[in-house]
Amino acid sequence: FRAVWCAFPPKTGSCSVHDLACAWRVVQEVENSCDLVIVSFHGGAEGVKHQHVPLKTETYYGENRGDVYRFAHAVVDAGADIVFGHGPHVTRAAEVYKDRFIIYSLGNFCTYGRFNLRGVSGIAPIVAVEVDREGHFLGGKITSVYQAKAHGPKLDEQARALEVLRELSRADFPESPLRMDEDGTLSVEKP
């Protein structure tokens, strides 16, 4: 069983989140040579005011940070099985699209330096995803962590990242069959 990671930034000079044709080619190429394709992207506007996935191109301080919704759907259409988003420094929504798991931002996990770790900026989900041999999402588990300037990540008994993720996912993707139980269990609602 072979899994391949493909990563895409919001910068020129590489196959970026802005170049859907390039991303499509990369995913198609690796999809034909492995069992599971996991895509990681860095994109989307940053901070507390940008927790929702806007379904359009995002800019932040004048920089085009991509249309992460369109990008994530395009790479799944090309053959990606799991999509993990990064970049906004806050947790963003998750969905299941065409039986594939997508999360639009994993927030701040183990942060250093000058980053803001107050409130939702200091919480993050650890996501375990279970798929079948074809990459179809079967289920998973969310574990919430938090951090402060004085220490790295610690388990969050209050499960704040899970609650934020549940709220954002219901708001941003109400049509998604992804379900998140209060204990962090991920599943797909059957029609």
N, C-alpha and C. Protein backbone atom coordinates (compact mmCIF):
# COMPACT_ATOMS: atom_id res chain seq x y z
N PHE A 1 0.85 -1.19 0.00
CA PHE A 1 0.00 0.00 0.00
C PHE A 1 0.89 1.23 0.00
N ARG A 2 0.72 2.09 -1.01
CA ARG A 2 1.55 3.30 -1.14
C ARG A 2 0.71 4.55 -1.04
N ALA A 3 1.13 5.47 -0.19
CA ALA A 3 0.50 6.78 -0.08
C ALA A 3 1.51 7.84 -0.49
N VAL A 4 1.04 8.87 -1.16
CA VAL A 4 1.90 9.97 -1.60
C VAL A 4 1.29 11.28 -1.12
N TRP A 5 2.16 12.16 -0.58
CA TRP A 5 1.77 13.52 -0.18
C TRP A 5 2.15 14.48 -1.30
N CYS A 6 1.25 15.41 -1.61
CA CYS A 6 1.52 16.49 -2.54
C CYS A 6 1.23 17.80 -1.81
N ALA A 7 2.14 18.76 -1.85
CA ALA A 7 1.94 20.02 -1.14
C ALA A 7 1.93 21.19 -2.11
N PHE A 8 1.03 22.15 -1.85
CA PHE A 8 0.84 23.30 -2.74
C PHE A 8 0.80 24.59 -1.92
N PRO A 9 1.68 25.57 -2.24
CA PRO A 9 1.70 26.85 -1.54
C PRO A 9 0.91 27.92 -2.31
N PRO A 10 0.78 29.13 -1.74
CA PRO A 10 0.12 30.22 -2.47
C PRO A 10 1.11 31.08 -3.23
N LYS A 11 2.29 30.57 -3.52
CA LYS A 11 3.37 31.36 -4.13
C LYS A 11 3.61 30.97 -5.58
N THR A 12 4.12 31.92 -6.35
CA THR A 12 4.54 31.62 -7.71
C THR A 12 5.90 30.95 -7.65
N GLY A 13 6.31 30.36 -8.75
CA GLY A 13 7.59 29.66 -8.79
C GLY A 13 7.47 28.20 -8.40
N SER A 14 6.27 27.76 -8.09
CA SER A 14 6.01 26.37 -7.77
C SER A 14 4.61 26.05 -8.27
N CYS A 15 4.19 24.84 -8.12
CA CYS A 15 2.82 24.50 -8.48
C CYS A 15 1.94 24.98 -7.32
N SER A 16 1.33 26.14 -7.50
CA SER A 16 0.65 26.80 -6.39
C SER A 16 -0.85 26.52 -6.37
N VAL A 17 -1.49 26.95 -5.29
CA VAL A 17 -2.95 26.81 -5.17
C VAL A 17 -3.67 27.65 -6.22
N HIS A 18 -2.96 28.57 -6.87
CA HIS A 18 -3.57 29.41 -7.92
C HIS A 18 -3.63 28.69 -9.27
N ASP A 19 -2.80 27.70 -9.46
CA ASP A 19 -2.68 27.04 -10.76
C ASP A 19 -3.38 25.67 -10.71
N LEU A 20 -4.68 25.69 -10.95
CA LEU A 20 -5.46 24.46 -10.86
C LEU A 20 -5.04 23.43 -11.91
N ALA A 21 -4.65 23.88 -13.09
CA ALA A 21 -4.21 22.94 -14.13
C ALA A 21 -2.94 22.22 -13.70
N CYS A 22 -2.00 22.93 -13.11
CA CYS A 22 -0.77 22.30 -12.61
C CYS A 22 -1.09 21.33 -11.48
N ALA A 23 -1.93 21.75 -10.53
CA ALA A 23 -2.30 20.88 -9.41
C ALA A 23 -2.98 19.62 -9.93
N TRP A 24 -3.85 19.78 -10.91
CA TRP A 24 -4.54 18.63 -11.52
C TRP A 24 -3.51 17.65 -12.08
N ARG A 25 -2.53 18.18 -12.84
CA ARG A 25 -1.51 17.30 -13.45
C ARG A 25 -0.70 16.56 -12.38
N VAL A 26 -0.30 17.27 -11.33
CA VAL A 26 0.50 16.64 -10.27
C VAL A 26 -0.29 15.52 -9.60
N VAL A 27 -1.53 15.81 -9.23
CA VAL A 27 -2.35 14.80 -8.55
C VAL A 27 -2.62 13.62 -9.47
N GLN A 28 -2.94 13.87 -10.74
CA GLN A 28 -3.17 12.79 -11.70
C GLN A 28 -1.94 11.91 -11.86
N GLU A 29 -0.77 12.54 -11.92
CA GLU A 29 0.47 11.79 -12.10
C GLU A 29 0.72 10.85 -10.92
N VAL A 30 0.60 11.35 -9.70
CA VAL A 30 0.86 10.49 -8.55
C VAL A 30 -0.29 9.53 -8.30
N GLU A 31 -1.51 9.93 -8.62
CA GLU A 31 -2.68 9.07 -8.42
C GLU A 31 -2.55 7.78 -9.22
N ASN A 32 -1.94 7.87 -10.38
CA ASN A 32 -1.77 6.70 -11.23
C ASN A 32 -0.67 5.76 -10.75
N SER A 33 0.14 6.20 -9.77
CA SER A 33 1.27 5.38 -9.33
C SER A 33 1.20 5.00 -7.85
N CYS A 34 0.05 5.26 -7.19
CA CYS A 34 -0.04 4.93 -5.77
C CYS A 34 -1.48 4.58 -5.39
N ASP A 35 -1.66 4.19 -4.13
CA ASP A 35 -2.98 3.80 -3.66
C ASP A 35 -3.75 4.95 -3.02
N LEU A 36 -3.04 5.89 -2.42
CA LEU A 36 -3.67 6.97 -1.67
C LEU A 36 -2.93 8.27 -1.93
N VAL A 37 -3.67 9.33 -2.31
CA VAL A 37 -3.08 10.65 -2.54
C VAL A 37 -3.58 11.59 -1.45
N ILE A 38 -2.64 12.15 -0.70
CA ILE A 38 -2.95 13.12 0.34
C ILE A 38 -2.41 14.47 -0.12
N VAL A 39 -3.28 15.46 -0.18
CA VAL A 39 -2.89 16.80 -0.60
C VAL A 39 -2.85 17.71 0.62
N SER A 40 -1.79 18.49 0.70
CA SER A 40 -1.66 19.53 1.72
C SER A 40 -1.53 20.85 0.99
N PHE A 41 -2.29 21.85 1.43
CA PHE A 41 -2.16 23.17 0.79
C PHE A 41 -2.02 24.25 1.85
N HIS A 42 -1.35 25.32 1.46
CA HIS A 42 -1.22 26.51 2.30
C HIS A 42 -1.97 27.61 1.56
N GLY A 43 -3.07 28.09 2.14
CA GLY A 43 -3.84 29.12 1.46
C GLY A 43 -4.94 29.66 2.35
N GLY A 44 -5.56 30.71 1.90
CA GLY A 44 -6.65 31.34 2.63
C GLY A 44 -6.17 32.50 3.48
N ALA A 45 -7.05 33.46 3.69
CA ALA A 45 -6.73 34.62 4.53
C ALA A 45 -6.50 34.17 5.97
N GLU A 46 -5.76 34.98 6.72
CA GLU A 46 -5.33 34.58 8.06
C GLU A 46 -6.11 35.26 9.17
N GLY A 47 -6.26 34.55 10.29
CA GLY A 47 -6.75 35.15 11.52
C GLY A 47 -8.20 34.90 11.84
N VAL A 48 -8.59 35.37 13.02
CA VAL A 48 -9.90 35.13 13.60
C VAL A 48 -11.04 35.62 12.69
N LYS A 49 -10.83 36.69 11.97
CA LYS A 49 -11.87 37.24 11.09
C LYS A 49 -12.06 36.41 9.82
N HIS A 50 -11.21 35.40 9.64
CA HIS A 50 -11.25 34.61 8.41
C HIS A 50 -11.42 33.12 8.68
N GLN A 51 -12.21 32.78 9.70
CA GLN A 51 -12.42 31.36 10.01
C GLN A 51 -13.34 30.67 9.02
N HIS A 52 -14.27 31.40 8.43
CA HIS A 52 -15.20 30.78 7.47
C HIS A 52 -14.54 30.63 6.10
N VAL A 53 -14.90 29.57 5.40
CA VAL A 53 -14.43 29.34 4.03
C VAL A 53 -15.37 30.11 3.11
N PRO A 54 -14.88 31.16 2.43
CA PRO A 54 -15.77 32.07 1.70
C PRO A 54 -16.22 31.61 0.31
N LEU A 55 -15.71 30.50 -0.22
CA LEU A 55 -16.08 29.99 -1.54
C LEU A 55 -15.74 31.00 -2.64
N LYS A 56 -14.63 31.70 -2.46
CA LYS A 56 -14.13 32.64 -3.47
C LYS A 56 -12.65 32.90 -3.18
N THR A 57 -11.99 33.60 -4.08
CA THR A 57 -10.59 33.95 -3.90
C THR A 57 -10.44 34.85 -2.68
N GLU A 58 -9.45 34.53 -1.86
CA GLU A 58 -9.18 35.31 -0.65
C GLU A 58 -7.89 36.12 -0.82
N THR A 59 -7.90 37.32 -0.28
CA THR A 59 -6.69 38.12 -0.23
C THR A 59 -6.42 38.46 1.23
N TYR A 60 -5.14 38.65 1.52
CA TYR A 60 -4.74 39.00 2.88
C TYR A 60 -3.53 39.91 2.76
N TYR A 61 -3.63 41.11 3.31
CA TYR A 61 -2.59 42.13 3.17
C TYR A 61 -2.14 42.28 1.72
N GLY A 62 -3.11 42.31 0.82
CA GLY A 62 -2.85 42.53 -0.59
C GLY A 62 -2.35 41.31 -1.35
N GLU A 63 -2.15 40.20 -0.69
CA GLU A 63 -1.65 38.98 -1.34
C GLU A 63 -2.81 38.06 -1.69
N ASN A 64 -2.83 37.55 -2.92
CA ASN A 64 -3.82 36.57 -3.34
C ASN A 64 -3.49 35.25 -2.65
N ARG A 65 -4.38 34.82 -1.75
CA ARG A 65 -4.16 33.59 -0.98
C ARG A 65 -4.95 32.41 -1.53
N GLY A 66 -5.57 32.58 -2.71
CA GLY A 66 -6.22 31.48 -3.39
C GLY A 66 -7.69 31.31 -3.06
N ASP A 67 -8.35 30.53 -3.89
CA ASP A 67 -9.73 30.08 -3.65
C ASP A 67 -9.60 28.64 -3.17
N VAL A 68 -9.49 28.48 -1.85
CA VAL A 68 -9.18 27.16 -1.29
C VAL A 68 -10.31 26.15 -1.51
N TYR A 69 -11.53 26.63 -1.57
CA TYR A 69 -12.68 25.74 -1.83
C TYR A 69 -12.57 25.17 -3.24
N ARG A 70 -12.36 26.03 -4.20
CA ARG A 70 -12.23 25.58 -5.59
C ARG A 70 -11.02 24.67 -5.75
N PHE A 71 -9.90 25.04 -5.10
CA PHE A 71 -8.69 24.22 -5.17
C PHE A 71 -8.93 22.83 -4.60
N ALA A 72 -9.51 22.76 -3.39
CA ALA A 72 -9.73 21.46 -2.75
C ALA A 72 -10.63 20.57 -3.59
N HIS A 73 -11.69 21.13 -4.13
CA HIS A 73 -12.59 20.33 -4.97
C HIS A 73 -11.89 19.89 -6.25
N ALA A 74 -11.05 20.75 -6.83
CA ALA A 74 -10.34 20.41 -8.07
C ALA A 74 -9.37 19.25 -7.84
N VAL A 75 -8.63 19.26 -6.72
CA VAL A 75 -7.69 18.16 -6.51
C VAL A 75 -8.41 16.86 -6.19
N VAL A 76 -9.56 16.92 -5.53
CA VAL A 76 -10.35 15.70 -5.33
C VAL A 76 -10.85 15.20 -6.69
N ASP A 77 -11.34 16.11 -7.52
CA ASP A 77 -11.79 15.72 -8.87
C ASP A 77 -10.65 15.08 -9.67
N ALA A 78 -9.41 15.50 -9.40
CA ALA A 78 -8.25 14.96 -10.10
C ALA A 78 -7.79 13.61 -9.55
N GLY A 79 -8.25 13.25 -8.31
CA GLY A 79 -7.87 11.96 -7.76
C GLY A 79 -7.36 11.98 -6.33
N ALA A 80 -7.30 13.15 -5.68
CA ALA A 80 -6.85 13.20 -4.28
C ALA A 80 -7.87 12.51 -3.38
N ASP A 81 -7.38 11.86 -2.34
CA ASP A 81 -8.25 11.13 -1.42
C ASP A 81 -8.48 11.86 -0.10
N ILE A 82 -7.51 12.62 0.36
CA ILE A 82 -7.61 13.41 1.59
C ILE A 82 -6.97 14.76 1.31
N VAL A 83 -7.58 15.84 1.82
CA VAL A 83 -7.03 17.18 1.63
C VAL A 83 -6.94 17.87 2.99
N PHE A 84 -5.71 18.30 3.35
CA PHE A 84 -5.45 19.02 4.59
C PHE A 84 -5.03 20.45 4.27
N GLY A 85 -5.77 21.43 4.78
CA GLY A 85 -5.43 22.83 4.57
C GLY A 85 -4.66 23.42 5.73
N HIS A 86 -3.82 24.39 5.41
CA HIS A 86 -3.00 25.11 6.39
C HIS A 86 -2.92 26.57 5.94
N GLY A 87 -2.53 27.44 6.84
CA GLY A 87 -2.24 28.81 6.48
C GLY A 87 -3.01 29.87 7.23
N PRO A 88 -4.30 29.69 7.51
CA PRO A 88 -5.06 30.75 8.19
C PRO A 88 -4.74 30.96 9.67
N HIS A 89 -4.00 30.07 10.29
CA HIS A 89 -3.64 30.16 11.72
C HIS A 89 -4.84 30.05 12.64
N VAL A 90 -5.96 29.59 12.13
CA VAL A 90 -7.15 29.27 12.91
C VAL A 90 -7.77 28.03 12.28
N THR A 91 -8.55 27.30 13.07
CA THR A 91 -9.25 26.13 12.56
C THR A 91 -10.34 26.59 11.60
N ARG A 92 -10.49 25.86 10.50
CA ARG A 92 -11.57 26.12 9.55
C ARG A 92 -12.40 24.84 9.39
N ALA A 93 -13.49 24.97 8.65
CA ALA A 93 -14.45 23.89 8.47
C ALA A 93 -13.85 22.67 7.77
N ALA A 94 -14.58 21.56 7.90
CA ALA A 94 -14.27 20.32 7.19
C ALA A 94 -15.52 19.88 6.46
N GLU A 95 -15.33 19.08 5.42
CA GLU A 95 -16.46 18.52 4.68
C GLU A 95 -16.05 17.20 4.05
N VAL A 96 -17.04 16.45 3.60
CA VAL A 96 -16.80 15.29 2.75
C VAL A 96 -17.39 15.64 1.39
N TYR A 97 -16.52 15.57 0.38
CA TYR A 97 -16.89 15.89 -1.00
C TYR A 97 -16.54 14.68 -1.85
N LYS A 98 -17.53 14.15 -2.58
CA LYS A 98 -17.32 12.96 -3.41
C LYS A 98 -16.66 11.83 -2.61
N ASP A 99 -17.12 11.62 -1.39
CA ASP A 99 -16.62 10.58 -0.49
C ASP A 99 -15.17 10.78 -0.07
N ARG A 100 -14.65 12.02 -0.16
CA ARG A 100 -13.27 12.33 0.23
C ARG A 100 -13.30 13.39 1.33
N PHE A 101 -12.38 13.27 2.29
CA PHE A 101 -12.32 14.17 3.44
C PHE A 101 -11.48 15.41 3.10
N ILE A 102 -12.02 16.59 3.42
CA ILE A 102 -11.32 17.86 3.25
C ILE A 102 -11.45 18.65 4.55
N ILE A 103 -10.34 19.17 5.05
CA ILE A 103 -10.38 20.15 6.13
C ILE A 103 -9.60 21.37 5.63
N TYR A 104 -10.19 22.55 5.80
CA TYR A 104 -9.66 23.76 5.18
C TYR A 104 -8.58 24.46 5.99
N SER A 105 -8.43 24.17 7.26
CA SER A 105 -7.29 24.65 8.04
C SER A 105 -7.22 23.90 9.36
N LEU A 106 -6.01 23.44 9.67
CA LEU A 106 -5.76 22.73 10.92
C LEU A 106 -5.32 23.68 12.04
N GLY A 107 -5.36 24.99 11.80
CA GLY A 107 -5.05 25.95 12.85
C GLY A 107 -3.58 25.95 13.22
N ASN A 108 -3.29 26.47 14.41
CA ASN A 108 -1.92 26.51 14.95
C ASN A 108 -1.72 25.30 15.84
N PHE A 109 -0.76 24.48 15.50
CA PHE A 109 -0.52 23.28 16.31
C PHE A 109 0.67 23.45 17.24
N CYS A 110 1.83 23.71 16.70
CA CYS A 110 3.03 23.87 17.52
C CYS A 110 3.73 25.12 17.02
N THR A 111 3.35 26.26 17.59
CA THR A 111 3.72 27.56 17.05
C THR A 111 4.85 28.19 17.85
N TYR A 112 5.63 28.99 17.20
CA TYR A 112 6.77 29.65 17.84
C TYR A 112 6.70 31.15 17.58
N GLY A 113 7.53 31.88 18.26
CA GLY A 113 7.75 33.28 17.95
C GLY A 113 6.59 34.20 18.26
N ARG A 114 6.29 35.08 17.32
CA ARG A 114 5.36 36.17 17.53
C ARG A 114 3.90 35.85 17.24
N PHE A 115 3.55 34.64 16.94
CA PHE A 115 2.17 34.33 16.58
C PHE A 115 1.23 34.51 17.76
N ASN A 116 0.04 35.00 17.47
CA ASN A 116 -1.02 35.17 18.46
C ASN A 116 -1.59 33.79 18.82
N LEU A 117 -1.61 33.47 20.10
CA LEU A 117 -2.16 32.19 20.56
C LEU A 117 -3.35 32.40 21.49
N ARG A 118 -3.95 33.58 21.46
CA ARG A 118 -5.12 33.85 22.30
C ARG A 118 -6.39 33.31 21.63
N GLY A 119 -7.32 32.86 22.44
CA GLY A 119 -8.63 32.41 21.95
C GLY A 119 -8.51 31.30 20.92
N VAL A 120 -9.26 31.44 19.81
CA VAL A 120 -9.28 30.38 18.79
C VAL A 120 -7.94 30.23 18.08
N SER A 121 -7.06 31.21 18.20
CA SER A 121 -5.73 31.08 17.58
C SER A 121 -4.83 30.11 18.34
N GLY A 122 -5.20 29.77 19.56
CA GLY A 122 -4.39 28.85 20.36
C GLY A 122 -4.93 27.44 20.44
N ILE A 123 -5.97 27.13 19.65
CA ILE A 123 -6.54 25.78 19.66
C ILE A 123 -6.40 25.16 18.27
N ALA A 124 -6.37 23.83 18.23
CA ALA A 124 -6.24 23.14 16.94
C ALA A 124 -6.75 21.71 17.06
N PRO A 125 -7.24 21.16 15.95
CA PRO A 125 -7.62 19.75 15.96
C PRO A 125 -6.48 18.87 15.45
N ILE A 126 -6.31 17.72 16.09
CA ILE A 126 -5.52 16.65 15.50
C ILE A 126 -6.55 15.75 14.82
N VAL A 127 -6.37 15.47 13.55
CA VAL A 127 -7.36 14.74 12.77
C VAL A 127 -6.82 13.38 12.36
N ALA A 128 -7.49 12.32 12.77
CA ALA A 128 -7.19 10.97 12.30
C ALA A 128 -8.28 10.60 11.31
N VAL A 129 -7.89 10.17 10.12
CA VAL A 129 -8.84 9.86 9.05
C VAL A 129 -8.69 8.40 8.65
N GLU A 130 -9.82 7.72 8.52
CA GLU A 130 -9.83 6.33 8.06
C GLU A 130 -10.48 6.29 6.68
N VAL A 131 -9.79 5.65 5.73
CA VAL A 131 -10.32 5.51 4.38
C VAL A 131 -10.24 4.04 3.97
N ASP A 132 -11.00 3.69 2.94
CA ASP A 132 -10.87 2.33 2.42
C ASP A 132 -9.75 2.29 1.38
N ARG A 133 -9.54 1.15 0.75
CA ARG A 133 -8.44 1.00 -0.20
C ARG A 133 -8.57 1.89 -1.42
N GLU A 134 -9.77 2.38 -1.71
CA GLU A 134 -9.98 3.29 -2.84
C GLU A 134 -9.92 4.76 -2.42
N GLY A 135 -9.73 5.02 -1.13
CA GLY A 135 -9.65 6.40 -0.65
C GLY A 135 -10.95 6.99 -0.17
N HIS A 136 -12.04 6.22 -0.19
CA HIS A 136 -13.32 6.72 0.31
C HIS A 136 -13.27 6.91 1.81
N PHE A 137 -13.77 8.04 2.28
CA PHE A 137 -13.77 8.34 3.70
C PHE A 137 -14.71 7.41 4.45
N LEU A 138 -14.18 6.76 5.50
CA LEU A 138 -14.98 5.86 6.32
C LEU A 138 -15.30 6.46 7.69
N GLY A 139 -14.38 7.25 8.21
CA GLY A 139 -14.59 7.83 9.53
C GLY A 139 -13.29 8.40 10.05
N GLY A 140 -13.31 8.75 11.33
CA GLY A 140 -12.10 9.31 11.91
C GLY A 140 -12.34 9.81 13.32
N LYS A 141 -11.41 10.61 13.78
CA LYS A 141 -11.47 11.10 15.15
C LYS A 141 -10.78 12.46 15.22
N ILE A 142 -11.39 13.39 15.95
CA ILE A 142 -10.81 14.70 16.22
C ILE A 142 -10.35 14.71 17.68
N THR A 143 -9.11 15.11 17.90
CA THR A 143 -8.59 15.33 19.24
C THR A 143 -8.21 16.80 19.34
N SER A 144 -8.74 17.50 20.32
CA SER A 144 -8.46 18.93 20.48
C SER A 144 -7.20 19.15 21.31
N VAL A 145 -6.40 20.13 20.86
CA VAL A 145 -5.23 20.55 21.62
C VAL A 145 -5.25 22.07 21.75
N TYR A 146 -4.47 22.57 22.70
CA TYR A 146 -4.31 24.01 22.86
C TYR A 146 -2.85 24.28 23.18
N GLN A 147 -2.45 25.53 23.02
CA GLN A 147 -1.10 25.92 23.37
C GLN A 147 -1.09 27.36 23.84
N ALA A 148 -0.06 27.70 24.56
CA ALA A 148 0.17 29.06 25.04
C ALA A 148 1.65 29.36 24.84
N LYS A 149 2.01 30.60 24.98
CA LYS A 149 3.42 31.00 24.77
C LYS A 149 4.37 30.20 25.66
N ALA A 150 3.91 29.81 26.85
CA ALA A 150 4.78 29.15 27.81
C ALA A 150 4.99 27.66 27.53
N HIS A 151 4.22 27.07 26.63
CA HIS A 151 4.36 25.63 26.39
C HIS A 151 3.88 25.27 24.99
N GLY A 152 4.26 24.10 24.56
CA GLY A 152 3.79 23.57 23.28
C GLY A 152 2.39 23.01 23.42
N PRO A 153 1.93 22.21 22.44
CA PRO A 153 0.56 21.69 22.46
C PRO A 153 0.29 20.77 23.64
N LYS A 154 -0.92 20.89 24.17
CA LYS A 154 -1.40 20.01 25.24
C LYS A 154 -2.83 19.60 24.91
N LEU A 155 -3.21 18.41 25.36
CA LEU A 155 -4.58 17.96 25.15
C LEU A 155 -5.55 18.93 25.81
N ASP A 156 -6.64 19.23 25.12
CA ASP A 156 -7.63 20.18 25.61
C ASP A 156 -8.86 19.41 26.10
N GLU A 157 -9.00 19.28 27.40
CA GLU A 157 -10.14 18.57 27.99
C GLU A 157 -11.47 19.26 27.67
N GLN A 158 -11.43 20.55 27.34
CA GLN A 158 -12.65 21.28 26.98
C GLN A 158 -13.07 21.04 25.53
N ALA A 159 -12.22 20.41 24.73
CA ALA A 159 -12.50 20.08 23.33
C ALA A 159 -12.93 21.31 22.52
N ARG A 160 -12.24 22.43 22.73
CA ARG A 160 -12.61 23.68 22.05
C ARG A 160 -12.43 23.61 20.54
N ALA A 161 -11.37 23.00 20.06
CA ALA A 161 -11.17 22.91 18.61
C ALA A 161 -12.28 22.07 17.96
N LEU A 162 -12.68 21.00 18.62
CA LEU A 162 -13.78 20.18 18.10
C LEU A 162 -15.06 21.01 18.00
N GLU A 163 -15.37 21.76 19.04
CA GLU A 163 -16.61 22.54 19.02
C GLU A 163 -16.57 23.61 17.93
N VAL A 164 -15.44 24.28 17.77
CA VAL A 164 -15.30 25.28 16.71
C VAL A 164 -15.44 24.61 15.35
N LEU A 165 -14.79 23.47 15.17
CA LEU A 165 -14.85 22.74 13.90
C LEU A 165 -16.27 22.30 13.59
N ARG A 166 -17.00 21.83 14.59
CA ARG A 166 -18.40 21.43 14.39
C ARG A 166 -19.25 22.62 13.95
N GLU A 167 -19.11 23.73 14.63
CA GLU A 167 -19.89 24.93 14.30
C GLU A 167 -19.58 25.45 12.90
N LEU A 168 -18.30 25.57 12.58
CA LEU A 168 -17.91 26.08 11.27
C LEU A 168 -18.34 25.15 10.15
N SER A 169 -18.21 23.85 10.36
CA SER A 169 -18.58 22.89 9.31
C SER A 169 -20.08 22.91 9.05
N ARG A 170 -20.88 23.00 10.11
CA ARG A 170 -22.34 23.10 9.92
C ARG A 170 -22.71 24.39 9.18
N ALA A 171 -22.04 25.48 9.52
CA ALA A 171 -22.34 26.77 8.89
C ALA A 171 -21.87 26.84 7.44
N ASP A 172 -20.65 26.39 7.18
CA ASP A 172 -20.06 26.55 5.85
C ASP A 172 -20.47 25.46 4.86
N PHE A 173 -20.74 24.25 5.35
CA PHE A 173 -21.05 23.12 4.46
C PHE A 173 -22.24 22.33 4.99
N PRO A 174 -23.41 22.95 5.09
CA PRO A 174 -24.57 22.24 5.65
C PRO A 174 -25.00 21.03 4.82
N GLU A 175 -24.63 21.01 3.54
CA GLU A 175 -25.01 19.90 2.66
C GLU A 175 -24.06 18.71 2.77
N SER A 176 -22.93 18.88 3.45
CA SER A 176 -21.95 17.81 3.56
C SER A 176 -22.48 16.69 4.45
N PRO A 177 -22.24 15.44 4.07
CA PRO A 177 -22.67 14.32 4.91
C PRO A 177 -21.76 14.06 6.11
N LEU A 178 -20.70 14.88 6.29
CA LEU A 178 -19.77 14.69 7.40
C LEU A 178 -20.47 15.00 8.72
N ARG A 179 -20.34 14.08 9.67
CA ARG A 179 -20.90 14.26 11.01
C ARG A 179 -19.77 14.17 12.03
N MET A 180 -19.86 15.02 13.06
CA MET A 180 -18.89 15.04 14.15
C MET A 180 -19.63 14.91 15.46
N ASP A 181 -19.40 13.80 16.15
CA ASP A 181 -20.03 13.59 17.45
C ASP A 181 -19.32 14.40 18.52
N GLU A 182 -19.97 14.53 19.67
CA GLU A 182 -19.41 15.30 20.79
C GLU A 182 -18.13 14.69 21.33
N ASP A 183 -17.89 13.40 21.08
CA ASP A 183 -16.64 12.77 21.53
C ASP A 183 -15.54 12.87 20.49
N GLY A 184 -15.81 13.54 19.36
CA GLY A 184 -14.81 13.72 18.30
C GLY A 184 -14.86 12.69 17.20
N THR A 185 -15.76 11.72 17.29
CA THR A 185 -15.87 10.70 16.26
C THR A 185 -16.40 11.32 14.96
N LEU A 186 -15.73 11.02 13.86
CA LEU A 186 -16.16 11.47 12.53
C LEU A 186 -16.83 10.31 11.80
N SER A 187 -17.91 10.62 11.11
CA SER A 187 -18.61 9.61 10.34
C SER A 187 -19.31 10.29 9.16
N VAL A 188 -19.91 9.48 8.32
CA VAL A 188 -20.68 9.98 7.18
C VAL A 188 -22.13 9.60 7.41
N GLU A 189 -22.98 10.60 7.28
CA GLU A 189 -24.42 10.35 7.40
C GLU A 189 -24.90 9.68 6.14
N LYS A 190 -25.51 8.55 6.30
CA LYS A 190 -26.02 7.79 5.14
C LYS A 190 -27.38 8.37 4.72
N PRO A 191 -27.63 8.46 3.40
CA PRO A 191 -28.92 9.00 2.93
C PRO A 191 -30.10 8.12 3.27
